[in-house]
PDB file of N, CA and C in Angstrom:
ATOM      1  N   MET A   1      62.132 -32.765  74.371  1.00  0.00           N
ATOM      2  CA  MET A   1      62.245 -31.710  74.575  1.00  0.00           C
ATOM      3  C   MET A   1      61.683 -30.684  74.074  1.00  0.00           C
ATOM      4  N   LEU A   2      61.695 -29.740  75.380  1.00  0.00           N
ATOM      5  CA  LEU A   2      60.238 -28.491  74.361  1.00  0.00           C
ATOM      6  C   LEU A   2      61.192 -27.434  74.041  1.00  0.00           C
ATOM      7  N   GLN A   3      60.404 -26.650  73.015  1.00  0.00           N
ATOM      8  CA  GLN A   3      61.021 -26.099  72.320  1.00  0.00           C
ATOM      9  C   GLN A   3      60.358 -24.890  72.174  1.00  0.00           C
ATOM     10  N   THR A   4      60.529 -23.119  71.639  1.00  0.00           N
ATOM     11  CA  THR A   4      59.244 -22.365  72.239  1.00  0.00           C
ATOM     12  C   THR A   4      59.518 -21.761  70.459  1.00  0.00           C
ATOM     13  N   LEU A   5      58.452 -21.809  69.809  1.00  0.00           N
ATOM     14  CA  LEU A   5      58.877 -21.874  68.409  1.00  0.00           C
ATOM     15  C   LEU A   5      58.526 -20.325  68.138  1.00  0.00           C
ATOM     16  N   ASN A   6      58.870 -20.371  66.486  1.00  0.00           N
ATOM     17  CA  ASN A   6      58.520 -18.389  66.309  1.00  0.00           C
ATOM     18  C   ASN A   6      57.163 -18.864  65.312  1.00  0.00           C
ATOM     19  N   SER A   7      56.780 -18.086  64.335  1.00  0.00           N
ATOM     20  CA  SER A   7      55.783 -17.694  63.709  1.00  0.00           C
ATOM     21  C   SER A   7      55.616 -19.280  61.991  1.00  0.00           C
ATOM     22  N   LYS A   8      56.775 -19.255  62.348  1.00  0.00           N
ATOM     23  CA  LYS A   8      57.058 -20.236  60.884  1.00  0.00           C
ATOM     24  C   LYS A   8      57.986 -21.546  61.490  1.00  0.00           C
ATOM     25  N   LYS A   9      57.621 -22.457  60.726  1.00  0.00           N
ATOM     26  CA  LYS A   9      58.525 -23.611  60.954  1.00  0.00           C
ATOM     27  C   LYS A   9      59.155 -23.985  59.777  1.00  0.00           C
ATOM     28  N   ARG A  10      60.892 -24.399  59.489  1.00  0.00           N
ATOM     29  CA  ARG A  10      60.952 -24.393  58.178  1.00  0.00           C
ATOM     30  C   ARG A  10      60.819 -25.827  58.271  1.00  0.00           C
ATOM     31  N   SER A  11      60.355 -26.768  56.992  1.00  0.00           N
ATOM     32  CA  SER A  11      60.922 -28.739  56.913  1.00  0.00           C
ATOM     33  C   SER A  11      61.606 -28.557  55.768  1.00  0.00           C
ATOM     34  N   PHE A  12      62.319 -29.148  55.344  1.00  0.00           N
ATOM     35  CA  PHE A  12      63.048 -29.755  54.083  1.00  0.00           C
ATOM     36  C   PHE A  12      62.683 -30.863  53.173  1.00  0.00           C
ATOM     37  N   CYS A  13      61.903 -30.798  52.226  1.00  0.00           N
ATOM     38  CA  CYS A  13      61.304 -31.911  51.485  1.00  0.00           C
ATOM     39  C   CYS A  13      62.164 -32.368  50.280  1.00  0.00           C
ATOM     40  N   GLY A  14      62.456 -32.776  49.476  1.00  0.00           N
ATOM     41  CA  GLY A  14      62.788 -33.025  48.695  1.00  0.00           C
ATOM     42  C   GLY A  14      63.461 -32.195  47.649  1.00  0.00           C
ATOM     43  N   GLY A  15      64.552 -31.073  48.591  1.00  0.00           N
ATOM     44  CA  GLY A  15      65.361 -30.363  48.064  1.00  0.00           C
ATOM     45  C   GLY A  15      64.626 -28.843  48.071  1.00  0.00           C
ATOM     46  N   LYS A  16      63.294 -28.967  47.948  1.00  0.00           N
ATOM     47  CA  LYS A  16      62.665 -27.467  48.041  1.00  0.00           C
ATOM     48  C   LYS A  16      61.973 -27.129  50.505  1.00  0.00           C
ATOM     49  N   ILE A  17      62.466 -26.178  50.451  1.00  0.00           N
ATOM     50  CA  ILE A  17      62.051 -25.582  52.011  1.00  0.00           C
ATOM     51  C   ILE A  17      60.740 -25.015  51.283  1.00  0.00           C
ATOM     52  N   THR A  18      60.052 -26.050  53.231  1.00  0.00           N
ATOM     53  CA  THR A  18      58.872 -25.823  53.316  1.00  0.00           C
ATOM     54  C   THR A  18      58.097 -25.147  54.065  1.00  0.00           C
ATOM     55  N   LEU A  19      57.473 -23.884  54.829  1.00  0.00           N
ATOM     56  CA  LEU A  19      56.866 -23.189  55.863  1.00  0.00           C
ATOM     57  C   LEU A  19      55.805 -23.350  56.301  1.00  0.00           C
ATOM     58  N   TYR A  20      55.976 -23.770  57.547  1.00  0.00           N
ATOM     59  CA  TYR A  20      54.258 -23.927  57.874  1.00  0.00           C
ATOM     60  C   TYR A  20      54.413 -22.827  59.309  1.00  0.00           C
ATOM     61  N   LEU A  21      53.018 -22.149  58.913  1.00  0.00           N
ATOM     62  CA  LEU A  21      52.593 -20.934  60.142  1.00  0.00           C
ATOM     63  C   LEU A  21      52.254 -21.742  61.451  1.00  0.00           C
ATOM     64  N   VAL A  22      52.609 -21.866  62.233  1.00  0.00           N
ATOM     65  CA  VAL A  22      52.261 -22.421  63.721  1.00  0.00           C
ATOM     66  C   VAL A  22      52.035 -22.163  64.879  1.00  0.00           C
ATOM     67  N   GLY A  23      51.772 -19.957  64.707  1.00  0.00           N
ATOM     68  CA  GLY A  23      51.687 -19.548  66.235  1.00  0.00           C
ATOM     69  C   GLY A  23      52.360 -19.182  66.941  1.00  0.00           C
ATOM     70  N   LYS A  24      51.849 -19.192  68.358  1.00  0.00           N
ATOM     71  CA  LYS A  24      53.006 -19.568  69.091  1.00  0.00           C
ATOM     72  C   LYS A  24      52.442 -21.096  70.736  1.00  0.00           C
ATOM     73  N   GLY A  25      53.839 -21.587  71.012  1.00  0.00           N
ATOM     74  CA  GLY A  25      53.407 -23.045  71.105  1.00  0.00           C
ATOM     75  C   GLY A  25      54.594 -23.242  71.378  1.00  0.00           C
ATOM     76  N   ARG A  26      54.188 -24.566  71.940  1.00  0.00           N
ATOM     77  CA  ARG A  26      55.471 -25.297  72.242  1.00  0.00           C
ATOM     78  C   ARG A  26      55.448 -26.791  71.394  1.00  0.00           C
ATOM     79  N   GLU A  27      56.609 -27.015  70.744  1.00  0.00           N
ATOM     80  CA  GLU A  27      56.332 -28.573  70.051  1.00  0.00           C
ATOM     81  C   GLU A  27      57.282 -29.234  71.100  1.00  0.00           C
ATOM     82  N   ILE A  28      56.800 -30.297  70.972  1.00  0.00           N
ATOM     83  CA  ILE A  28      57.338 -31.727  72.050  1.00  0.00           C
ATOM     84  C   ILE A  28      57.730 -33.158  70.594  1.00  0.00           C
ATOM     85  N   SER A  29      59.397 -32.971  70.838  1.00  0.00           N
ATOM     86  CA  SER A  29      59.494 -33.467  69.576  1.00  0.00           C
ATOM     87  C   SER A  29      59.525 -34.966  69.777  1.00  0.00           C
ATOM     88  N   ASP A  30      59.946 -35.318  68.404  1.00  0.00           N
ATOM     89  CA  ASP A  30      58.904 -36.726  68.756  1.00  0.00           C
ATOM     90  C   ASP A  30      59.800 -38.066  69.852  1.00  0.00           C
ATOM     91  N   HIS A  31      59.665 -38.594  69.817  1.00  0.00           N
ATOM     92  CA  HIS A  31      59.763 -39.847  70.949  1.00  0.00           C
ATOM     93  C   HIS A  31      60.104 -41.578  69.492  1.00  0.00           C
ATOM     94  N   THR A  32      61.204 -41.977  70.065  1.00  0.00           N
ATOM     95  CA  THR A  32      61.257 -43.592  69.923  1.00  0.00           C
ATOM     96  C   THR A  32      61.661 -44.860  70.510  1.00  0.00           C
ATOM     97  N   GLU A  33      61.642 -45.729  70.522  1.00  0.00           N
ATOM     98  CA  GLU A  33      61.152 -46.414  71.260  1.00  0.00           C
ATOM     99  C   GLU A  33      62.343 -47.720  70.676  1.00  0.00           C
ATOM    100  N   TYR A  34      62.954 -48.173  71.327  1.00  0.00           N
ATOM    101  CA  TYR A  34      63.650 -49.085  70.918  1.00  0.00           C
ATOM    102  C   TYR A  34      63.425 -50.682  70.985  1.00  0.00           C
ATOM    103  N   ASP A  35      64.595 -51.823  70.118  1.00  0.00           N
ATOM    104  CA  ASP A  35      64.025 -53.084  71.203  1.00  0.00           C
ATOM    105  C   ASP A  35      65.531 -53.414  71.265  1.00  0.00           C
ATOM    106  N   ASN A  36      65.730 -55.006  72.187  1.00  0.00           N
ATOM    107  CA  ASN A  36      67.793 -54.570  72.987  1.00  0.00           C
ATOM    108  C   ASN A  36      68.481 -55.204  71.973  1.00  0.00           C
ATOM    109  N   LYS A  37      67.988 -54.854  70.698  1.00  0.00           N
ATOM    110  CA  LYS A  37      69.203 -54.820  69.852  1.00  0.00           C
ATOM    111  C   LYS A  37      69.453 -53.505  69.495  1.00  0.00           C
ATOM    112  N   GLY A  38      69.042 -52.511  69.352  1.00  0.00           N
ATOM    113  CA  GLY A  38      69.336 -51.056  69.209  1.00  0.00           C
ATOM    114  C   GLY A  38      67.927 -50.522  68.024  1.00  0.00           C
ATOM    115  N   ASN A  39      67.476 -51.547  67.748  1.00  0.00           N
ATOM    116  CA  ASN A  39      67.066 -51.088  66.447  1.00  0.00           C
ATOM    117  C   ASN A  39      64.852 -50.053  66.899  1.00  0.00           C
ATOM    118  N   ALA A  40      65.204 -49.573  65.971  1.00  0.00           N
ATOM    119  CA  ALA A  40      63.862 -48.489  66.702  1.00  0.00           C
ATOM    120  C   ALA A  40      62.778 -49.474  66.273  1.00  0.00           C
ATOM    121  N   VAL A  41      61.533 -49.021  66.942  1.00  0.00           N
ATOM    122  CA  VAL A  41      60.273 -50.374  67.047  1.00  0.00           C
ATOM    123  C   VAL A  41      59.557 -49.609  66.653  1.00  0.00           C
ATOM    124  N   ARG A  42      58.712 -48.406  67.558  1.00  0.00           N
ATOM    125  CA  ARG A  42      57.817 -47.409  66.666  1.00  0.00           C
ATOM    126  C   ARG A  42      58.596 -46.403  67.345  1.00  0.00           C
ATOM    127  N   THR A  43      57.955 -45.630  66.157  1.00  0.00           N
ATOM    128  CA  THR A  43      58.399 -44.022  66.605  1.00  0.00           C
ATOM    129  C   THR A  43      57.366 -42.862  66.332  1.00  0.00           C
ATOM    130  N   TYR A  44      57.208 -41.556  67.460  1.00  0.00           N
ATOM    131  CA  TYR A  44      55.799 -41.250  67.442  1.00  0.00           C
ATOM    132  C   TYR A  44      56.258 -39.677  66.855  1.00  0.00           C
ATOM    133  N   GLN A  45      55.257 -39.214  65.485  1.00  0.00           N
ATOM    134  CA  GLN A  45      56.039 -37.647  65.668  1.00  0.00           C
ATOM    135  C   GLN A  45      55.407 -37.028  66.172  1.00  0.00           C
ATOM    136  N   PRO A  46      56.179 -36.011  66.411  1.00  0.00           N
ATOM    137  CA  PRO A  46      56.208 -34.833  66.928  1.00  0.00           C
ATOM    138  C   PRO A  46      54.611 -34.007  66.936  1.00  0.00           C
ATOM    139  N   TYR A  47      54.560 -33.151  68.102  1.00  0.00           N
ATOM    140  CA  TYR A  47      52.915 -32.418  68.496  1.00  0.00           C
ATOM    141  C   TYR A  47      53.166 -31.165  69.385  1.00  0.00           C
ATOM    142  N   PHE A  48      52.589 -30.430  68.844  1.00  0.00           N
ATOM    143  CA  PHE A  48      53.101 -29.565  70.196  1.00  0.00           C
ATOM    144  C   PHE A  48      50.921 -28.634  71.106  1.00  0.00           C
ATOM    145  N   VAL A  49      52.444 -27.983  71.948  1.00  0.00           N
ATOM    146  CA  VAL A  49      50.707 -27.640  73.109  1.00  0.00           C
ATOM    147  C   VAL A  49      51.297 -25.987  72.917  1.00  0.00           C
ATOM    148  N   ASN A  50      49.851 -25.390  73.696  1.00  0.00           N
ATOM    149  CA  ASN A  50      50.194 -24.354  73.661  1.00  0.00           C
ATOM    150  C   ASN A  50      49.909 -23.757  74.638  1.00  0.00           C
ATOM    151  N   ASN A  51      50.096 -24.284  75.791  1.00  0.00           N
ATOM    152  CA  ASN A  51      50.218 -23.670  77.365  1.00  0.00           C
ATOM    153  C   ASN A  51      51.954 -24.054  77.977  1.00  0.00           C
ATOM    154  N   ARG A  52      52.371 -24.316  78.733  1.00  0.00           N
ATOM    155  CA  ARG A  52      53.376 -24.055  79.791  1.00  0.00           C
ATOM    156  C   ARG A  52      53.423 -25.789  80.778  1.00  0.00           C
ATOM    157  N   LYS A  53      51.894 -26.073  81.058  1.00  0.00           N
ATOM    158  CA  LYS A  53      52.474 -26.874  82.249  1.00  0.00           C
ATOM    159  C   LYS A  53      53.142 -28.256  81.881  1.00  0.00           C
ATOM    160  N   TYR A  54      53.382 -28.804  82.048  1.00  0.00           N
ATOM    161  CA  TYR A  54      53.793 -30.334  82.615  1.00  0.00           C
ATOM    162  C   TYR A  54      53.351 -31.553  81.471  1.00  0.00           C
ATOM    163  N   VAL A  55      53.403 -31.995  80.228  1.00  0.00           N
ATOM    164  CA  VAL A  55      52.803 -33.408  80.117  1.00  0.00           C
ATOM    165  C   VAL A  55      53.264 -34.203  79.859  1.00  0.00           C
ATOM    166  N   SER A  56      52.950 -35.342  80.253  1.00  0.00           N
ATOM    167  CA  SER A  56      53.333 -36.899  80.598  1.00  0.00           C
ATOM    168  C   SER A  56      53.660 -37.772  79.567  1.00  0.00           C
ATOM    169  N   ASP A  57      54.028 -38.961  79.056  1.00  0.00           N
ATOM    170  CA  ASP A  57      55.047 -38.949  78.140  1.00  0.00           C
ATOM    171  C   ASP A  57      53.803 -39.777  77.612  1.00  0.00           C
ATOM    172  N   ASP A  58      53.419 -40.724  78.945  1.00  0.00           N
ATOM    173  CA  ASP A  58      52.407 -42.016  79.157  1.00  0.00           C
ATOM    174  C   ASP A  58      51.200 -41.202  78.845  1.00  0.00           C
ATOM    175  N   SER A  59      50.484 -40.260  78.853  1.00  0.00           N
ATOM    176  CA  SER A  59      49.006 -39.046  79.041  1.00  0.00           C
ATOM    177  C   SER A  59      49.153 -39.197  77.140  1.00  0.00           C
ATOM    178  N   ALA A  60      50.165 -38.707  76.757  1.00  0.00           N
ATOM    179  CA  ALA A  60      50.176 -37.626  75.475  1.00  0.00           C
ATOM    180  C   ALA A  60      50.626 -39.082  74.431  1.00  0.00           C
ATOM    181  N   ARG A  61      50.811 -40.213  75.088  1.00  0.00           N
ATOM    182  CA  ARG A  61      51.128 -41.274  74.419  1.00  0.00           C
ATOM    183  C   ARG A  61      49.554 -41.868  73.739  1.00  0.00           C
ATOM    184  N   GLN A  62      48.391 -41.662  74.748  1.00  0.00           N
ATOM    185  CA  GLN A  62      47.531 -42.832  74.060  1.00  0.00           C
ATOM    186  C   GLN A  62      47.072 -42.438  72.500  1.00  0.00           C
ATOM    187  N   ASP A  63      46.499 -40.708  72.673  1.00  0.00           N
ATOM    188  CA  ASP A  63      46.357 -39.925  71.482  1.00  0.00           C
ATOM    189  C   ASP A  63      47.142 -39.995  69.952  1.00  0.00           C
ATOM    190  N   LEU A  64      48.296 -40.431  70.359  1.00  0.00           N
ATOM    191  CA  LEU A  64      49.478 -40.977  69.338  1.00  0.00           C
ATOM    192  C   LEU A  64      48.837 -42.412  68.803  1.00  0.00           C
ATOM    193  N   TYR A  65      50.060 -41.859  67.326  1.00  0.00           N
ATOM    194  CA  TYR A  65      49.614 -43.656  67.043  1.00  0.00           C
ATOM    195  C   TYR A  65      51.085 -43.222  65.968  1.00  0.00           C
ATOM    196  N   PRO A  66      52.127 -44.243  66.687  1.00  0.00           N
ATOM    197  CA  PRO A  66      52.854 -44.385  66.047  1.00  0.00           C
ATOM    198  C   PRO A  66      53.118 -45.211  64.566  1.00  0.00           C
ATOM    199  N   ASN A  67      54.750 -45.523  63.965  1.00  0.00           N
ATOM    200  CA  ASN A  67      55.199 -45.517  63.053  1.00  0.00           C
ATOM    201  C   ASN A  67      55.497 -47.073  63.426  1.00  0.00           C
ATOM    202  N   THR A  68      55.021 -48.199  63.135  1.00  0.00           N
ATOM    203  CA  THR A  68      55.921 -49.223  64.180  1.00  0.00           C
ATOM    204  C   THR A  68      56.899 -49.939  62.965  1.00  0.00           C
ATOM    205  N   HIS A  69      57.613 -50.276  63.338  1.00  0.00           N
ATOM    206  CA  HIS A  69      59.068 -51.192  62.416  1.00  0.00           C
ATOM    207  C   HIS A  69      59.206 -52.757  62.557  1.00  0.00           C
ATOM    208  N   TYR A  70      59.048 -52.849  61.427  1.00  0.00           N
ATOM    209  CA  TYR A  70      59.395 -54.595  61.551  1.00  0.00           C
ATOM    210  C   TYR A  70      60.681 -54.876  61.263  1.00  0.00           C
ATOM    211  N   TYR A  71      61.872 -56.042  61.014  1.00  0.00           N
ATOM    212  CA  TYR A  71      63.356 -56.571  61.220  1.00  0.00           C
ATOM    213  C   TYR A  71      63.082 -57.585  60.591  1.00  0.00           C
ATOM    214  N   GLU A  72      63.395 -57.915  59.122  1.00  0.00           N
ATOM    215  CA  GLU A  72      64.151 -58.785  59.355  1.00  0.00           C
ATOM    216  C   GLU A  72      64.611 -60.066  59.537  1.00  0.00           C
ATOM    217  N   PRO A  73      65.771 -61.624  59.097  1.00  0.00           N
ATOM    218  CA  PRO A  73      66.989 -61.255  60.181  1.00  0.00           C
ATOM    219  C   PRO A  73      68.017 -61.166  59.040  1.00  0.00           C
ATOM    220  N   PRO A  74      68.745 -60.739  59.657  1.00  0.00           N
ATOM    221  CA  PRO A  74      69.335 -60.310  59.103  1.00  0.00           C
ATOM    222  C   PRO A  74      70.830 -59.575  57.347  1.00  0.00           C
ATOM    223  N   GLY A  75      69.971 -58.650  56.706  1.00  0.00           N
ATOM    224  CA  GLY A  75      70.793 -58.438  55.224  1.00  0.00           C
ATOM    225  C   GLY A  75      69.930 -59.085  54.027  1.00  0.00           C
ATOM    226  N   TRP A  76      68.086 -58.862  55.033  1.00  0.00           N
ATOM    227  CA  TRP A  76      66.588 -59.102  54.089  1.00  0.00           C
ATOM    228  C   TRP A  76      65.898 -58.054  54.190  1.00  0.00           C
ATOM    229  N   GLY A  77      66.494 -57.001  55.292  1.00  0.00           N
ATOM    230  CA  GLY A  77      65.136 -55.525  54.950  1.00  0.00           C
ATOM    231  C   GLY A  77      64.107 -56.009  56.226  1.00  0.00           C
ATOM    232  N   HIS A  78      63.637 -54.738  56.234  1.00  0.00           N
ATOM    233  CA  HIS A  78      62.310 -54.500  56.978  1.00  0.00           C
ATOM    234  C   HIS A  78      61.679 -54.296  56.281  1.00  0.00           C
ATOM    235  N   ASN A  79      60.560 -53.720  57.342  1.00  0.00           N
ATOM    236  CA  ASN A  79      58.895 -52.456  56.732  1.00  0.00           C
ATOM    237  C   ASN A  79      58.530 -52.139  57.684  1.00  0.00           C
ATOM    238  N   VAL A  80      58.017 -50.960  57.144  1.00  0.00           N
ATOM    239  CA  VAL A  80      57.309 -49.965  59.350  1.00  0.00           C
ATOM    240  C   VAL A  80      55.679 -49.789  57.955  1.00  0.00           C
ATOM    241  N   VAL A  81      55.505 -49.967  59.587  1.00  0.00           N
ATOM    242  CA  VAL A  81      53.481 -49.579  58.798  1.00  0.00           C
ATOM    243  C   VAL A  81      53.333 -48.212  59.958  1.00  0.00           C
ATOM    244  N   THR A  82      52.841 -47.262  58.233  1.00  0.00           N
ATOM    245  CA  THR A  82      53.148 -45.888  58.807  1.00  0.00           C
ATOM    246  C   THR A  82      51.504 -45.675  60.149  1.00  0.00           C
ATOM    247  N   LYS A  83      52.050 -44.858  61.011  1.00  0.00           N
ATOM    248  CA  LYS A  83      49.977 -44.293  61.046  1.00  0.00           C
ATOM    249  C   LYS A  83      48.801 -45.032  60.221  1.00  0.00           C
ATOM    250  N   LYS A  84      48.740 -44.394  59.294  1.00  0.00           N
ATOM    251  CA  LYS A  84      47.738 -43.994  58.156  1.00  0.00           C
ATOM    252  C   LYS A  84      47.819 -45.848  58.190  1.00  0.00           C
ATOM    253  N   GLY A  85      48.278 -46.552  58.144  1.00  0.00           N
ATOM    254  CA  GLY A  85      48.176 -48.688  57.959  1.00  0.00           C
ATOM    255  C   GLY A  85      48.888 -48.284  56.523  1.00  0.00           C
ATOM    256  N   TYR A  86      49.816 -47.087  55.976  1.00  0.00           N
ATOM    257  CA  TYR A  86      50.671 -47.547  55.097  1.00  0.00           C
ATOM    258  C   TYR A  86      51.270 -48.278  55.498  1.00  0.00           C
ATOM    259  N   GLN A  87      51.964 -49.119  54.070  1.00  0.00           N
ATOM    260  CA  GLN A  87      53.649 -50.039  54.112  1.00  0.00           C
ATOM    261  C   GLN A  87      54.661 -49.432  53.404  1.00  0.00           C
ATOM    262  N   ARG A  88      55.971 -49.237  54.190  1.00  0.00           N
ATOM    263  CA  ARG A  88      57.058 -48.700  54.063  1.00  0.00           C
ATOM    264  C   ARG A  88      58.754 -50.594  53.850  1.00  0.00           C
ATOM    265  N   TRP A  89      58.395 -50.782  52.751  1.00  0.00           N
ATOM    266  CA  TRP A  89      59.819 -51.653  53.118  1.00  0.00           C
ATOM    267  C   TRP A  89      60.721 -51.488  52.087  1.00  0.00           C
ATOM    268  N   ILE A  90      61.491 -52.370  52.932  1.00  0.00           N
ATOM    269  CA  ILE A  90      63.509 -52.411  51.849  1.00  0.00           C
ATOM    270  C   ILE A  90      63.556 -53.954  51.740  1.00  0.00           C
ATOM    271  N   LEU A  91      63.814 -54.169  50.621  1.00  0.00           N
ATOM    272  CA  LEU A  91      64.341 -55.784  50.909  1.00  0.00           C
ATOM    273  C   LEU A  91      65.417 -55.783  49.868  1.00  0.00           C
ATOM    274  N   PHE A  92      66.392 -55.880  50.086  1.00  0.00           N
ATOM    275  CA  PHE A  92      68.026 -56.309  50.012  1.00  0.00           C
ATOM    276  C   PHE A  92      68.103 -57.276  49.124  1.00  0.00           C
ATOM    277  N   THR A  93      69.264 -57.877  48.230  1.00  0.00           N
ATOM    278  CA  THR A  93      69.364 -58.764  47.183  1.00  0.00           C
ATOM    279  C   THR A  93      71.246 -58.804  47.023  1.00  0.00           C
ATOM    280  N   PRO A  94      71.480 -59.808  47.118  1.00  0.00           N
ATOM    281  CA  PRO A  94      73.419 -59.756  46.252  1.00  0.00           C
ATOM    282  C   PRO A  94      73.106 -58.721  45.402  1.00  0.00           C
ATOM    283  N   TRP A  95      72.567 -58.579  44.314  1.00  0.00           N
ATOM    284  CA  TRP A  95      71.873 -58.127  43.246  1.00  0.00           C
ATOM    285  C   TRP A  95      71.928 -56.873  42.379  1.00  0.00           C
ATOM    286  N   PHE A  96      70.815 -55.611  43.721  1.00  0.00           N
ATOM    287  CA  PHE A  96      70.151 -54.797  43.465  1.00  0.00           C
ATOM    288  C   PHE A  96      69.182 -54.901  45.671  1.00  0.00           C
ATOM    289  N   VAL A  97      68.800 -53.719  45.901  1.00  0.00           N
ATOM    290  CA  VAL A  97      67.289 -53.333  45.984  1.00  0.00           C
ATOM    291  C   VAL A  97      66.520 -52.422  46.031  1.00  0.00           C
ATOM    292  N   ILE A  98      65.352 -52.913  47.009  1.00  0.00           N
ATOM    293  CA  ILE A  98      63.807 -53.151  46.475  1.00  0.00           C
ATOM    294  C   ILE A  98      63.418 -52.177  47.713  1.00  0.00           C
ATOM    295  N   SER A  99      63.166 -50.934  47.478  1.00  0.00           N
ATOM    296  CA  SER A  99      62.681 -49.852  47.850  1.00  0.00           C
ATOM    297  C   SER A  99      60.975 -49.818  47.419  1.00  0.00           C
ATOM    298  N   GLU A 100      60.058 -49.881  48.673  1.00  0.00           N
ATOM    299  CA  GLU A 100      58.775 -49.719  48.015  1.00  0.00           C
ATOM    300  C   GLU A 100      58.764 -48.351  49.195  1.00  0.00           C
ATOM    301  N   TYR A 101      57.345 -46.946  48.939  1.00  0.00           N
ATOM    302  CA  TYR A 101      56.882 -45.771  50.073  1.00  0.00           C
ATOM    303  C   TYR A 101      55.614 -46.361  49.617  1.00  0.00           C
ATOM    304  N   GLU A 102      55.074 -45.686  50.667  1.00  0.00           N
ATOM    305  CA  GLU A 102      53.542 -45.163  50.827  1.00  0.00           C
ATOM    306  C   GLU A 102      52.403 -45.652  49.145  1.00  0.00           C
ATOM    307  N   ASN A 103      53.368 -44.414  48.575  1.00  0.00           N
ATOM    308  CA  ASN A 103      52.808 -44.182  47.386  1.00  0.00           C
ATOM    309  C   ASN A 103      53.001 -45.346  46.520  1.00  0.00           C
ATOM    310  N   ASN A 104      53.713 -46.068  46.435  1.00  0.00           N
ATOM    311  CA  ASN A 104      53.925 -47.259  45.763  1.00  0.00           C
ATOM    312  C   ASN A 104      53.418 -48.348  45.752  1.00  0.00           C
ATOM    313  N   ALA A 105      53.510 -49.052  46.858  1.00  0.00           N
ATOM    314  CA  ALA A 105      52.313 -50.381  47.827  1.00  0.00           C
ATOM    315  C   ALA A 105      51.276 -49.812  47.860  1.00  0.00           C
ATOM    316  N   ALA A 106      50.748 -48.314  47.188  1.00  0.00           N
ATOM    317  CA  ALA A 106      49.430 -48.474  48.079  1.00  0.00           C
ATOM    318  C   ALA A 106      48.746 -49.258  47.049  1.00  0.00           C
ATOM    319  N   LYS A 107      47.577 -49.843  47.550  1.00  0.00           N
ATOM    320  CA  LYS A 107      46.322 -50.760  47.695  1.00  0.00           C
ATOM    321  C   LYS A 107      44.998 -50.313  46.662  1.00  0.00           C
TER     322      LYS A 107
END
């Protein structure tokens, strides 16, 4: 999906609004690949282009690195390996849920 951007983009992070100056250009929205069960396997981040020419999804994907999702058996949770190599994971137990994000799992 292409949309024209104004000079500011708003982002909500932790209840705060962050404004990014992006200039004139177009934003290509993120792309998600799914497995046969409907679970997200790879999610690509949105990116910006400065012209109006057609961008093939396959040609743009060579320079993009996705977040990769790994699913455990049902009820166990799943791992996410980000494009920088950090890990996020969630583990479900009968008594509690453990969630670790990049800052918690950093080595």
